[in-house]
């Protein structure tokens, strides 16, 4: 049987410093990382949001020091997500008539 302990230890070392986050396979979303049980008693870094990673392997996570952008990870850490900072698309325009009814297209 293959000894996975060196792979797990290497992966833990890669993400062991504070401020190191993860990107999945050169993706654009930056995730927060925590340790989770992998195989047997081995623990490896996993995405805090528990988003699935197809073909899960510790090598699928690439370290980055960029700020976390995953809304689920931000929620779990108690920080504000970028989505809540988004500006309204059309501003605060009230298009209802005097009775509070919205216009109906014909």
PDB file of N, CA and C in Angstrom:
ATOM      1  N   UNK A   1       0.842  -1.189   0.000  1.00  0.00           N
ATOM      2  CA  UNK A   1       0.000   0.000   0.000  1.00  0.00           C
ATOM      3  C   UNK A   1       0.887   1.253   0.000  1.00  0.00           C
ATOM      4  N   UNK A   2       0.467   2.272  -0.701  1.00  0.00           N
ATOM      5  CA  UNK A   2       1.238   3.514  -0.824  1.00  0.00           C
ATOM      6  C   UNK A   2       1.163   4.309   0.474  1.00  0.00           C
ATOM      7  N   UNK A   3       2.296   4.828   0.896  1.00  0.00           N
ATOM      8  CA  UNK A   3       2.349   5.666   2.086  1.00  0.00           C
ATOM      9  C   UNK A   3       1.992   7.094   1.681  1.00  0.00           C
ATOM     10  N   UNK A   4       0.865   7.593   2.189  1.00  0.00           N
ATOM     11  CA  UNK A   4       0.410   8.938   1.815  1.00  0.00           C
ATOM     12  C   UNK A   4       0.868  10.004   2.797  1.00  0.00           C
ATOM     13  N   UNK A   5       1.516   9.587   3.886  1.00  0.00           N
ATOM     14  CA  UNK A   5       1.940  10.543   4.913  1.00  0.00           C
ATOM     15  C   UNK A   5       2.847  11.638   4.358  1.00  0.00           C
ATOM     16  N   UNK A   6       3.828  11.331   3.502  1.00  0.00           N
ATOM     17  CA  UNK A   6       4.660  12.429   2.971  1.00  0.00           C
ATOM     18  C   UNK A   6       3.866  13.442   2.143  1.00  0.00           C
ATOM     19  N   UNK A   7       2.906  12.984   1.351  1.00  0.00           N
ATOM     20  CA  UNK A   7       2.081  13.896   0.555  1.00  0.00           C
ATOM     21  C   UNK A   7       1.244  14.787   1.470  1.00  0.00           C
ATOM     22  N   UNK A   8       0.647  14.188   2.505  1.00  0.00           N
ATOM     23  CA  UNK A   8      -0.164  14.961   3.451  1.00  0.00           C
ATOM     24  C   UNK A   8       0.699  15.985   4.190  1.00  0.00           C
ATOM     25  N   UNK A   9       1.877  15.578   4.633  1.00  0.00           N
ATOM     26  CA  UNK A   9       2.769  16.493   5.355  1.00  0.00           C
ATOM     27  C   UNK A   9       3.226  17.639   4.462  1.00  0.00           C
ATOM     28  N   UNK A  10       3.534  17.338   3.224  1.00  0.00           N
ATOM     29  CA  UNK A  10       3.948  18.365   2.271  1.00  0.00           C
ATOM     30  C   UNK A  10       2.835  19.376   2.037  1.00  0.00           C
ATOM     31  N   UNK A  11       1.621  18.875   1.899  1.00  0.00           N
ATOM     32  CA  UNK A  11       0.475  19.748   1.665  1.00  0.00           C
ATOM     33  C   UNK A  11       0.203  20.625   2.894  1.00  0.00           C
ATOM     34  N   UNK A  12       0.302  20.053   4.077  1.00  0.00           N
ATOM     35  CA  UNK A  12       0.112  20.848   5.304  1.00  0.00           C
ATOM     36  C   UNK A  12       1.176  21.940   5.405  1.00  0.00           C
ATOM     37  N   UNK A  13       2.407  21.614   5.054  1.00  0.00           N
ATOM     38  CA  UNK A  13       3.484  22.605   5.122  1.00  0.00           C
ATOM     39  C   UNK A  13       3.255  23.753   4.147  1.00  0.00           C
ATOM     40  N   UNK A  14       2.728  23.445   2.969  1.00  0.00           N
ATOM     41  CA  UNK A  14       2.476  24.471   1.951  1.00  0.00           C
ATOM     42  C   UNK A  14       1.467  25.502   2.433  1.00  0.00           C
ATOM     43  N   UNK A  15       0.439  25.045   3.156  1.00  0.00           N
ATOM     44  CA  UNK A  15      -0.632  25.940   3.592  1.00  0.00           C
ATOM     45  C   UNK A  15      -0.553  26.259   5.085  1.00  0.00           C
ATOM     46  N   UNK A  16       0.595  25.984   5.710  1.00  0.00           N
ATOM     47  CA  UNK A  16       0.725  26.142   7.152  1.00  0.00           C
ATOM     48  C   UNK A  16       0.873  27.570   7.644  1.00  0.00           C
ATOM     49  N   UNK A  17       1.356  28.462   6.817  1.00  0.00           N
ATOM     50  CA  UNK A  17       1.537  29.854   7.245  1.00  0.00           C
ATOM     51  C   UNK A  17       0.212  30.602   7.261  1.00  0.00           C
ATOM     52  N   UNK A  18       0.028  31.483   8.251  1.00  0.00           N
ATOM     53  CA  UNK A  18      -1.169  32.324   8.250  1.00  0.00           C
ATOM     54  C   UNK A  18      -1.187  33.201   6.993  1.00  0.00           C
ATOM     55  N   UNK A  19      -2.349  33.411   6.444  1.00  0.00           N
ATOM     56  CA  UNK A  19      -2.473  34.256   5.261  1.00  0.00           C
ATOM     57  C   UNK A  19      -2.302  33.527   3.949  1.00  0.00           C
ATOM     58  N   UNK A  20      -2.047  32.221   4.001  1.00  0.00           N
ATOM     59  CA  UNK A  20      -1.952  31.448   2.765  1.00  0.00           C
ATOM     60  C   UNK A  20      -3.329  30.866   2.479  1.00  0.00           C
ATOM     61  N   UNK A  21      -3.858  31.195   1.328  1.00  0.00           N
ATOM     62  CA  UNK A  21      -5.178  30.733   0.906  1.00  0.00           C
ATOM     63  C   UNK A  21      -5.001  29.804  -0.287  1.00  0.00           C
ATOM     64  N   UNK A  22      -6.095  29.408  -0.923  1.00  0.00           N
ATOM     65  CA  UNK A  22      -5.986  28.443  -2.021  1.00  0.00           C
ATOM     66  C   UNK A  22      -6.825  28.841  -3.217  1.00  0.00           C
ATOM     67  N   UNK A  23      -6.304  28.477  -4.374  1.00  0.00           N
ATOM     68  CA  UNK A  23      -7.018  28.570  -5.641  1.00  0.00           C
ATOM     69  C   UNK A  23      -7.062  27.147  -6.179  1.00  0.00           C
ATOM     70  N   UNK A  24      -8.208  26.725  -6.707  1.00  0.00           N
ATOM     71  CA  UNK A  24      -8.347  25.375  -7.228  1.00  0.00           C
ATOM     72  C   UNK A  24      -7.938  25.357  -8.692  1.00  0.00           C
ATOM     73  N   UNK A  25      -6.910  24.587  -8.991  1.00  0.00           N
ATOM     74  CA  UNK A  25      -6.437  24.380 -10.369  1.00  0.00           C
ATOM     75  C   UNK A  25      -6.417  25.657 -11.215  1.00  0.00           C
ATOM     76  N   UNK A  26      -5.710  26.628 -10.803  1.00  0.00           N
ATOM     77  CA  UNK A  26      -5.570  27.894 -11.543  1.00  0.00           C
ATOM     78  C   UNK A  26      -6.886  28.625 -11.745  1.00  0.00           C
ATOM     79  N   UNK A  27      -7.843  28.412 -10.861  1.00  0.00           N
ATOM     80  CA  UNK A  27      -9.117  29.126 -10.934  1.00  0.00           C
ATOM     81  C   UNK A  27      -8.944  30.578 -10.537  1.00  0.00           C
ATOM     82  N   UNK A  28     -10.039  31.319 -10.504  1.00  0.00           N
ATOM     83  CA  UNK A  28      -9.986  32.736 -10.149  1.00  0.00           C
ATOM     84  C   UNK A  28     -10.452  32.991  -8.729  1.00  0.00           C
ATOM     85  N   UNK A  29     -11.237  32.073  -8.154  1.00  0.00           N
ATOM     86  CA  UNK A  29     -11.774  32.279  -6.817  1.00  0.00           C
ATOM     87  C   UNK A  29     -10.736  31.872  -5.774  1.00  0.00           C
ATOM     88  N   UNK A  30     -10.511  32.756  -4.820  1.00  0.00           N
ATOM     89  CA  UNK A  30      -9.558  32.489  -3.740  1.00  0.00           C
ATOM     90  C   UNK A  30     -10.353  32.029  -2.518  1.00  0.00           C
ATOM     91  N   UNK A  31      -9.984  30.850  -1.990  1.00  0.00           N
ATOM     92  CA  UNK A  31     -10.687  30.236  -0.868  1.00  0.00           C
ATOM     93  C   UNK A  31      -9.849  30.284   0.402  1.00  0.00           C
ATOM     94  N   UNK A  32     -10.527  30.352   1.546  1.00  0.00           N
ATOM     95  CA  UNK A  32      -9.870  30.164   2.836  1.00  0.00           C
ATOM     96  C   UNK A  32      -9.632  28.663   3.008  1.00  0.00           C
ATOM     97  N   UNK A  33      -8.623  28.305   3.788  1.00  0.00           N
ATOM     98  CA  UNK A  33      -8.224  26.909   3.942  1.00  0.00           C
ATOM     99  C   UNK A  33      -8.238  26.518   5.411  1.00  0.00           C
ATOM    100  N   UNK A  34      -8.677  25.291   5.677  1.00  0.00           N
ATOM    101  CA  UNK A  34      -8.590  24.709   7.016  1.00  0.00           C
ATOM    102  C   UNK A  34      -8.136  23.265   6.869  1.00  0.00           C
ATOM    103  N   UNK A  35      -7.756  22.646   7.960  1.00  0.00           N
ATOM    104  CA  UNK A  35      -7.361  21.240   7.894  1.00  0.00           C
ATOM    105  C   UNK A  35      -8.582  20.349   8.029  1.00  0.00           C
ATOM    106  N   UNK A  36      -8.614  19.280   7.262  1.00  0.00           N
ATOM    107  CA  UNK A  36      -9.708  18.325   7.321  1.00  0.00           C
ATOM    108  C   UNK A  36      -9.177  16.915   7.160  1.00  0.00           C
ATOM    109  N   UNK A  37      -9.949  15.957   7.646  1.00  0.00           N
ATOM    110  CA  UNK A  37      -9.532  14.562   7.557  1.00  0.00           C
ATOM    111  C   UNK A  37      -9.556  14.111   6.105  1.00  0.00           C
ATOM    112  N   UNK A  38      -8.513  13.416   5.695  1.00  0.00           N
ATOM    113  CA  UNK A  38      -8.383  12.981   4.304  1.00  0.00           C
ATOM    114  C   UNK A  38      -8.530  11.480   4.229  1.00  0.00           C
ATOM    115  N   UNK A  39      -7.469  10.736   4.411  1.00  0.00           N
ATOM    116  CA  UNK A  39      -7.495   9.274   4.379  1.00  0.00           C
ATOM    117  C   UNK A  39      -6.944   8.783   5.712  1.00  0.00           C
ATOM    118  N   UNK A  40      -7.689   7.882   6.345  1.00  0.00           N
ATOM    119  CA  UNK A  40      -7.249   7.388   7.651  1.00  0.00           C
ATOM    120  C   UNK A  40      -7.175   8.531   8.638  1.00  0.00           C
ATOM    121  N   UNK A  41      -6.031   8.658   9.285  1.00  0.00           N
ATOM    122  CA  UNK A  41      -5.839   9.726  10.272  1.00  0.00           C
ATOM    123  C   UNK A  41      -5.121  10.941   9.700  1.00  0.00           C
ATOM    124  N   UNK A  42      -4.853  10.912   8.416  1.00  0.00           N
ATOM    125  CA  UNK A  42      -4.124  12.024   7.799  1.00  0.00           C
ATOM    126  C   UNK A  42      -5.037  13.236   7.621  1.00  0.00           C
ATOM    127  N   UNK A  43      -4.496  14.402   7.939  1.00  0.00           N
ATOM    128  CA  UNK A  43      -5.202  15.657   7.718  1.00  0.00           C
ATOM    129  C   UNK A  43      -4.466  16.444   6.644  1.00  0.00           C
ATOM    130  N   UNK A  44      -5.243  17.060   5.775  1.00  0.00           N
ATOM    131  CA  UNK A  44      -4.686  17.895   4.718  1.00  0.00           C
ATOM    132  C   UNK A  44      -5.523  19.166   4.608  1.00  0.00           C
ATOM    133  N   UNK A  45      -4.981  20.207   3.995  1.00  0.00           N
ATOM    134  CA  UNK A  45      -5.764  21.425   3.791  1.00  0.00           C
ATOM    135  C   UNK A  45      -6.986  21.148   2.913  1.00  0.00           C
ATOM    136  N   UNK A  46      -8.098  21.774   3.281  1.00  0.00           N
ATOM    137  CA  UNK A  46      -9.311  21.694   2.474  1.00  0.00           C
ATOM    138  C   UNK A  46      -9.938  23.075   2.424  1.00  0.00           C
ATOM    139  N   UNK A  47     -10.821  23.277   1.479  1.00  0.00           N
ATOM    140  CA  UNK A  47     -11.492  24.570   1.347  1.00  0.00           C
ATOM    141  C   UNK A  47     -12.449  24.754   2.505  1.00  0.00           C
ATOM    142  N   UNK A  48     -12.420  25.910   3.134  1.00  0.00           N
ATOM    143  CA  UNK A  48     -13.277  26.186   4.284  1.00  0.00           C
ATOM    144  C   UNK A  48     -14.750  26.094   3.912  1.00  0.00           C
ATOM    145  N   UNK A  49     -15.087  26.428   2.673  1.00  0.00           N
ATOM    146  CA  UNK A  49     -16.482  26.403   2.218  1.00  0.00           C
ATOM    147  C   UNK A  49     -16.938  24.993   1.852  1.00  0.00           C
ATOM    148  N   UNK A  50     -16.015  24.039   1.842  1.00  0.00           N
ATOM    149  CA  UNK A  50     -16.295  22.639   1.489  1.00  0.00           C
ATOM    150  C   UNK A  50     -16.789  22.472   0.058  1.00  0.00           C
ATOM    151  N   UNK A  51     -16.426  23.395  -0.801  1.00  0.00           N
ATOM    152  CA  UNK A  51     -16.747  23.242  -2.219  1.00  0.00           C
ATOM    153  C   UNK A  51     -16.022  22.007  -2.734  1.00  0.00           C
ATOM    154  N   UNK A  52     -16.723  21.185  -3.495  1.00  0.00           N
ATOM    155  CA  UNK A  52     -16.128  19.958  -4.001  1.00  0.00           C
ATOM    156  C   UNK A  52     -15.052  20.229  -5.034  1.00  0.00           C
ATOM    157  N   UNK A  53     -14.045  19.388  -5.022  1.00  0.00           N
ATOM    158  CA  UNK A  53     -12.959  19.474  -5.993  1.00  0.00           C
ATOM    159  C   UNK A  53     -12.915  18.127  -6.711  1.00  0.00           C
ATOM    160  N   UNK A  54     -13.250  18.100  -7.981  1.00  0.00           N
ATOM    161  CA  UNK A  54     -13.290  16.847  -8.736  1.00  0.00           C
ATOM    162  C   UNK A  54     -11.925  16.184  -8.737  1.00  0.00           C
ATOM    163  N   UNK A  55     -11.908  14.877  -8.518  1.00  0.00           N
ATOM    164  CA  UNK A  55     -10.652  14.147  -8.488  1.00  0.00           C
ATOM    165  C   UNK A  55      -9.801  14.572  -7.314  1.00  0.00           C
ATOM    166  N   UNK A  56     -10.429  14.795  -6.186  1.00  0.00           N
ATOM    167  CA  UNK A  56      -9.794  15.455  -5.045  1.00  0.00           C
ATOM    168  C   UNK A  56      -8.410  14.926  -4.761  1.00  0.00           C
ATOM    169  N   UNK A  57      -7.492  15.856  -4.747  1.00  0.00           N
ATOM    170  CA  UNK A  57      -6.098  15.581  -4.435  1.00  0.00           C
ATOM    171  C   UNK A  57      -5.551  16.837  -3.777  1.00  0.00           C
ATOM    172  N   UNK A  58      -4.702  16.701  -2.780  1.00  0.00           N
ATOM    173  CA  UNK A  58      -4.108  17.910  -2.189  1.00  0.00           C
ATOM    174  C   UNK A  58      -3.359  18.748  -3.217  1.00  0.00           C
ATOM    175  N   UNK A  59      -2.900  18.127  -4.283  1.00  0.00           N
ATOM    176  CA  UNK A  59      -2.174  18.856  -5.323  1.00  0.00           C
ATOM    177  C   UNK A  59      -3.079  19.757  -6.157  1.00  0.00           C
ATOM    178  N   UNK A  60      -4.408  19.600  -6.039  1.00  0.00           N
ATOM    179  CA  UNK A  60      -5.348  20.435  -6.794  1.00  0.00           C
ATOM    180  C   UNK A  60      -5.409  21.853  -6.242  1.00  0.00           C
ATOM    181  N   UNK A  61      -4.970  22.041  -4.991  1.00  0.00           N
ATOM    182  CA  UNK A  61      -5.004  23.355  -4.368  1.00  0.00           C
ATOM    183  C   UNK A  61      -3.660  24.049  -4.568  1.00  0.00           C
ATOM    184  N   UNK A  62      -3.714  25.243  -5.118  1.00  0.00           N
ATOM    185  CA  UNK A  62      -2.506  26.036  -5.333  1.00  0.00           C
ATOM    186  C   UNK A  62      -2.480  27.174  -4.321  1.00  0.00           C
ATOM    187  N   UNK A  63      -1.368  27.365  -3.615  1.00  0.00           N
ATOM    188  CA  UNK A  63      -1.310  28.411  -2.594  1.00  0.00           C
ATOM    189  C   UNK A  63      -1.259  29.811  -3.201  1.00  0.00           C
ATOM    190  N   UNK A  64      -1.848  30.755  -2.487  1.00  0.00           N
ATOM    191  CA  UNK A  64      -1.811  32.162  -2.875  1.00  0.00           C
ATOM    192  C   UNK A  64      -1.927  33.017  -1.621  1.00  0.00           C
ATOM    193  N   UNK A  65      -1.395  34.201  -1.674  1.00  0.00           N
ATOM    194  CA  UNK A  65      -1.538  35.156  -0.573  1.00  0.00           C
ATOM    195  C   UNK A  65      -2.537  36.256  -0.942  1.00  0.00           C
ATOM    196  N   UNK A  66      -3.248  36.061  -2.035  1.00  0.00           N
ATOM    197  CA  UNK A  66      -4.297  37.009  -2.429  1.00  0.00           C
ATOM    198  C   UNK A  66      -5.425  36.976  -1.394  1.00  0.00           C
ATOM    199  N   UNK A  67      -6.234  38.015  -1.359  1.00  0.00           N
ATOM    200  CA  UNK A  67      -7.364  38.078  -0.434  1.00  0.00           C
ATOM    201  C   UNK A  67      -8.435  37.058  -0.829  1.00  0.00           C
ATOM    202  N   UNK A  68      -9.112  36.502   0.166  1.00  0.00           N
ATOM    203  CA  UNK A  68     -10.194  35.539  -0.078  1.00  0.00           C
ATOM    204  C   UNK A  68     -11.328  36.238  -0.809  1.00  0.00           C
ATOM    205  N   UNK A  69     -11.823  35.608  -1.888  1.00  0.00           N
ATOM    206  CA  UNK A  69     -12.937  36.170  -2.657  1.00  0.00           C
ATOM    207  C   UNK A  69     -14.167  35.271  -2.636  1.00  0.00           C
ATOM    208  N   UNK A  70     -14.053  34.057  -2.138  1.00  0.00           N
ATOM    209  CA  UNK A  70     -15.186  33.125  -2.089  1.00  0.00           C
ATOM    210  C   UNK A  70     -16.204  33.622  -1.056  1.00  0.00           C
ATOM    211  N   UNK A  71     -17.425  33.879  -1.498  1.00  0.00           N
ATOM    212  CA  UNK A  71     -18.465  34.408  -0.604  1.00  0.00           C
ATOM    213  C   UNK A  71     -18.760  33.442   0.538  1.00  0.00           C
ATOM    214  N   UNK A  72     -18.783  32.144   0.268  1.00  0.00           N
ATOM    215  CA  UNK A  72     -19.070  31.159   1.327  1.00  0.00           C
ATOM    216  C   UNK A  72     -17.949  31.135   2.366  1.00  0.00           C
ATOM    217  N   UNK A  73     -16.703  31.187   1.925  1.00  0.00           N
ATOM    218  CA  UNK A  73     -15.571  31.225   2.864  1.00  0.00           C
ATOM    219  C   UNK A  73     -15.630  32.493   3.709  1.00  0.00           C
ATOM    220  N   UNK A  74     -15.917  33.626   3.085  1.00  0.00           N
ATOM    221  CA  UNK A  74     -16.000  34.888   3.813  1.00  0.00           C
ATOM    222  C   UNK A  74     -17.110  34.850   4.857  1.00  0.00           C
ATOM    223  N   UNK A  75     -18.258  34.275   4.486  1.00  0.00           N
ATOM    224  CA  UNK A  75     -19.367  34.145   5.443  1.00  0.00           C
ATOM    225  C   UNK A  75     -18.955  33.296   6.639  1.00  0.00           C
ATOM    226  N   UNK A  76     -18.252  32.190   6.380  1.00  0.00           N
ATOM    227  CA  UNK A  76     -17.842  31.282   7.458  1.00  0.00           C
ATOM    228  C   UNK A  76     -16.814  31.925   8.377  1.00  0.00           C
ATOM    229  N   UNK A  77     -16.048  32.880   7.876  1.00  0.00           N
ATOM    230  CA  UNK A  77     -15.062  33.565   8.713  1.00  0.00           C
ATOM    231  C   UNK A  77     -15.638  34.835   9.327  1.00  0.00           C
ATOM    232  N   UNK A  78     -16.892  35.149   9.004  1.00  0.00           N
ATOM    233  CA  UNK A  78     -17.535  36.324   9.579  1.00  0.00           C
ATOM    234  C   UNK A  78     -17.171  37.630   8.912  1.00  0.00           C
ATOM    235  N   UNK A  79     -16.549  37.544   7.737  1.00  0.00           N
ATOM    236  CA  UNK A  79     -16.193  38.767   7.012  1.00  0.00           C
ATOM    237  C   UNK A  79     -17.225  39.055   5.935  1.00  0.00           C
ATOM    238  N   UNK A  80     -17.251  40.281   5.495  1.00  0.00           N
ATOM    239  CA  UNK A  80     -18.205  40.715   4.479  1.00  0.00           C
ATOM    240  C   UNK A  80     -17.785  40.202   3.113  1.00  0.00           C
ATOM    241  N   UNK A  81     -18.746  39.654   2.375  1.00  0.00           N
ATOM    242  CA  UNK A  81     -18.429  39.168   1.033  1.00  0.00           C
ATOM    243  C   UNK A  81     -18.428  40.323   0.044  1.00  0.00           C
ATOM    244  N   UNK A  82     -17.763  40.099  -1.064  1.00  0.00           N
ATOM    245  CA  UNK A  82     -17.727  41.115  -2.115  1.00  0.00           C
ATOM    246  C   UNK A  82     -19.115  41.349  -2.687  1.00  0.00           C
ATOM    247  N   UNK A  83     -19.964  40.315  -2.682  1.00  0.00           N
ATOM    248  CA  UNK A  83     -21.315  40.456  -3.226  1.00  0.00           C
ATOM    249  C   UNK A  83     -22.107  41.496  -2.445  1.00  0.00           C
ATOM    250  N   UNK A  84     -21.910  41.570  -1.124  1.00  0.00           N
ATOM    251  CA  UNK A  84     -22.653  42.546  -0.331  1.00  0.00           C
ATOM    252  C   UNK A  84     -22.127  43.960  -0.549  1.00  0.00           C
ATOM    253  N   UNK A  85     -20.961  44.097  -1.162  1.00  0.00           N
ATOM    254  CA  UNK A  85     -20.392  45.406  -1.458  1.00  0.00           C
ATOM    255  C   UNK A  85     -20.748  45.875  -2.862  1.00  0.00           C
ATOM    256  N   UNK A  86     -21.442  45.038  -3.623  1.00  0.00           N
ATOM    257  CA  UNK A  86     -21.758  45.375  -5.005  1.00  0.00           C
ATOM    258  C   UNK A  86     -22.728  46.541  -5.061  1.00  0.00           C
ATOM    259  N   UNK A  87     -22.480  47.441  -5.966  1.00  0.00           N
ATOM    260  CA  UNK A  87     -23.356  48.592  -6.145  1.00  0.00           C
ATOM    261  C   UNK A  87     -24.613  48.166  -6.892  1.00  0.00           C
ATOM    262  N   UNK A  88     -25.747  48.838  -6.640  1.00  0.00           N
ATOM    263  CA  UNK A  88     -26.964  48.507  -7.378  1.00  0.00           C
ATOM    264  C   UNK A  88     -26.758  48.738  -8.874  1.00  0.00           C
ATOM    265  N   UNK A  89     -27.298  47.865  -9.679  1.00  0.00           N
ATOM    266  CA  UNK A  89     -27.115  47.949 -11.121  1.00  0.00           C
ATOM    267  C   UNK A  89     -27.780  49.188 -11.711  1.00  0.00           C
ATOM    268  N   UNK A  90     -28.991  49.492 -11.252  1.00  0.00           N
ATOM    269  CA  UNK A  90     -29.735  50.620 -11.810  1.00  0.00           C
ATOM    270  C   UNK A  90     -29.968  51.718 -10.778  1.00  0.00           C
ATOM    271  N   UNK A  91     -29.282  51.675  -9.667  1.00  0.00           N
ATOM    272  CA  UNK A  91     -29.468  52.682  -8.642  1.00  0.00           C
ATOM    273  C   UNK A  91     -30.772  52.465  -7.897  1.00  0.00           C
ATOM    274  N   UNK A  92     -31.128  53.433  -7.114  1.00  0.00           N
ATOM    275  CA  UNK A  92     -32.358  53.345  -6.314  1.00  0.00           C
ATOM    276  C   UNK A  92     -33.496  54.049  -7.048  1.00  0.00           C
ATOM    277  N   UNK A  93     -33.885  53.529  -8.187  1.00  0.00           N
ATOM    278  CA  UNK A  93     -34.928  54.129  -9.002  1.00  0.00           C
ATOM    279  C   UNK A  93     -36.257  53.467  -8.666  1.00  0.00           C
ATOM    280  N   UNK A  94     -37.236  54.272  -8.301  1.00  0.00           N
ATOM    281  CA  UNK A  94     -38.565  53.747  -7.994  1.00  0.00           C
ATOM    282  C   UNK A  94     -39.424  53.909  -9.237  1.00  0.00           C
ATOM    283  N   UNK A  95     -39.819  52.799  -9.859  1.00  0.00           N
ATOM    284  CA  UNK A  95     -40.597  52.875 -11.093  1.00  0.00           C
ATOM    285  C   UNK A  95     -42.076  52.590 -10.857  1.00  0.00           C
ATOM    286  N   UNK A  96     -42.469  52.437  -9.589  1.00  0.00           N
ATOM    287  CA  UNK A  96     -43.885  52.183  -9.296  1.00  0.00           C
ATOM    288  C   UNK A  96     -44.702  53.466  -9.485  1.00  0.00           C
ATOM    289  N   UNK A  97     -45.975  53.282  -9.804  1.00  0.00           N
ATOM    290  CA  UNK A  97     -46.843  54.456  -9.956  1.00  0.00           C
ATOM    291  C   UNK A  97     -47.300  54.921  -8.583  1.00  0.00           C
ATOM    292  N   UNK A  98     -48.207  55.907  -8.520  1.00  0.00           N
ATOM    293  CA  UNK A  98     -48.654  56.496  -7.263  1.00  0.00           C
ATOM    294  C   UNK A  98     -49.350  55.480  -6.362  1.00  0.00           C
ATOM    295  N   UNK A  99     -49.932  54.416  -6.944  1.00  0.00           N
ATOM    296  CA  UNK A  99     -50.613  53.387  -6.163  1.00  0.00           C
ATOM    297  C   UNK A  99     -49.663  52.278  -5.710  1.00  0.00           C
ATOM    298  N   UNK A 100     -48.381  52.378  -6.063  1.00  0.00           N
ATOM    299  CA  UNK A 100     -47.399  51.382  -5.674  1.00  0.00           C
ATOM    300  C   UNK A 100     -47.346  50.178  -6.612  1.00  0.00           C
ATOM    301  N   UNK A 101     -48.021  50.293  -7.793  1.00  0.00           N
ATOM    302  CA  UNK A 101     -48.024  49.199  -8.749  1.00  0.00           C
ATOM    303  C   UNK A 101     -46.911  49.393  -9.763  1.00  0.00           C
ATOM    304  N   UNK A 102     -46.273  48.283 -10.133  1.00  0.00           N
ATOM    305  CA  UNK A 102     -45.234  48.332 -11.139  1.00  0.00           C
ATOM    306  C   UNK A 102     -45.877  48.356 -12.534  1.00  0.00           C
ATOM    307  N   UNK A 103     -45.236  49.016 -13.500  1.00  0.00           N
ATOM    308  CA  UNK A 103     -45.789  49.032 -14.859  1.00  0.00           C
ATOM    309  C   UNK A 103     -45.771  47.642 -15.474  1.00  0.00           C
ATOM    310  N   UNK A 104     -46.787  47.374 -16.278  1.00  0.00           N
ATOM    311  CA  UNK A 104     -46.920  46.075 -16.948  1.00  0.00           C
ATOM    312  C   UNK A 104     -46.615  46.280 -18.417  1.00  0.00           C
ATOM    313  N   UNK A 105     -45.735  45.438 -18.960  1.00  0.00           N
ATOM    314  CA  UNK A 105     -45.442  45.567 -20.399  1.00  0.00           C
ATOM    315  C   UNK A 105     -46.573  44.926 -21.184  1.00  0.00           C
ATOM    316  N   UNK A 106     -46.821  45.459 -22.341  1.00  0.00           N
ATOM    317  CA  UNK A 106     -47.944  44.949 -23.144  1.00  0.00           C
ATOM    318  C   UNK A 106     -47.476  44.136 -24.277  1.00  0.00           C
TER     319      UNK A 106
END
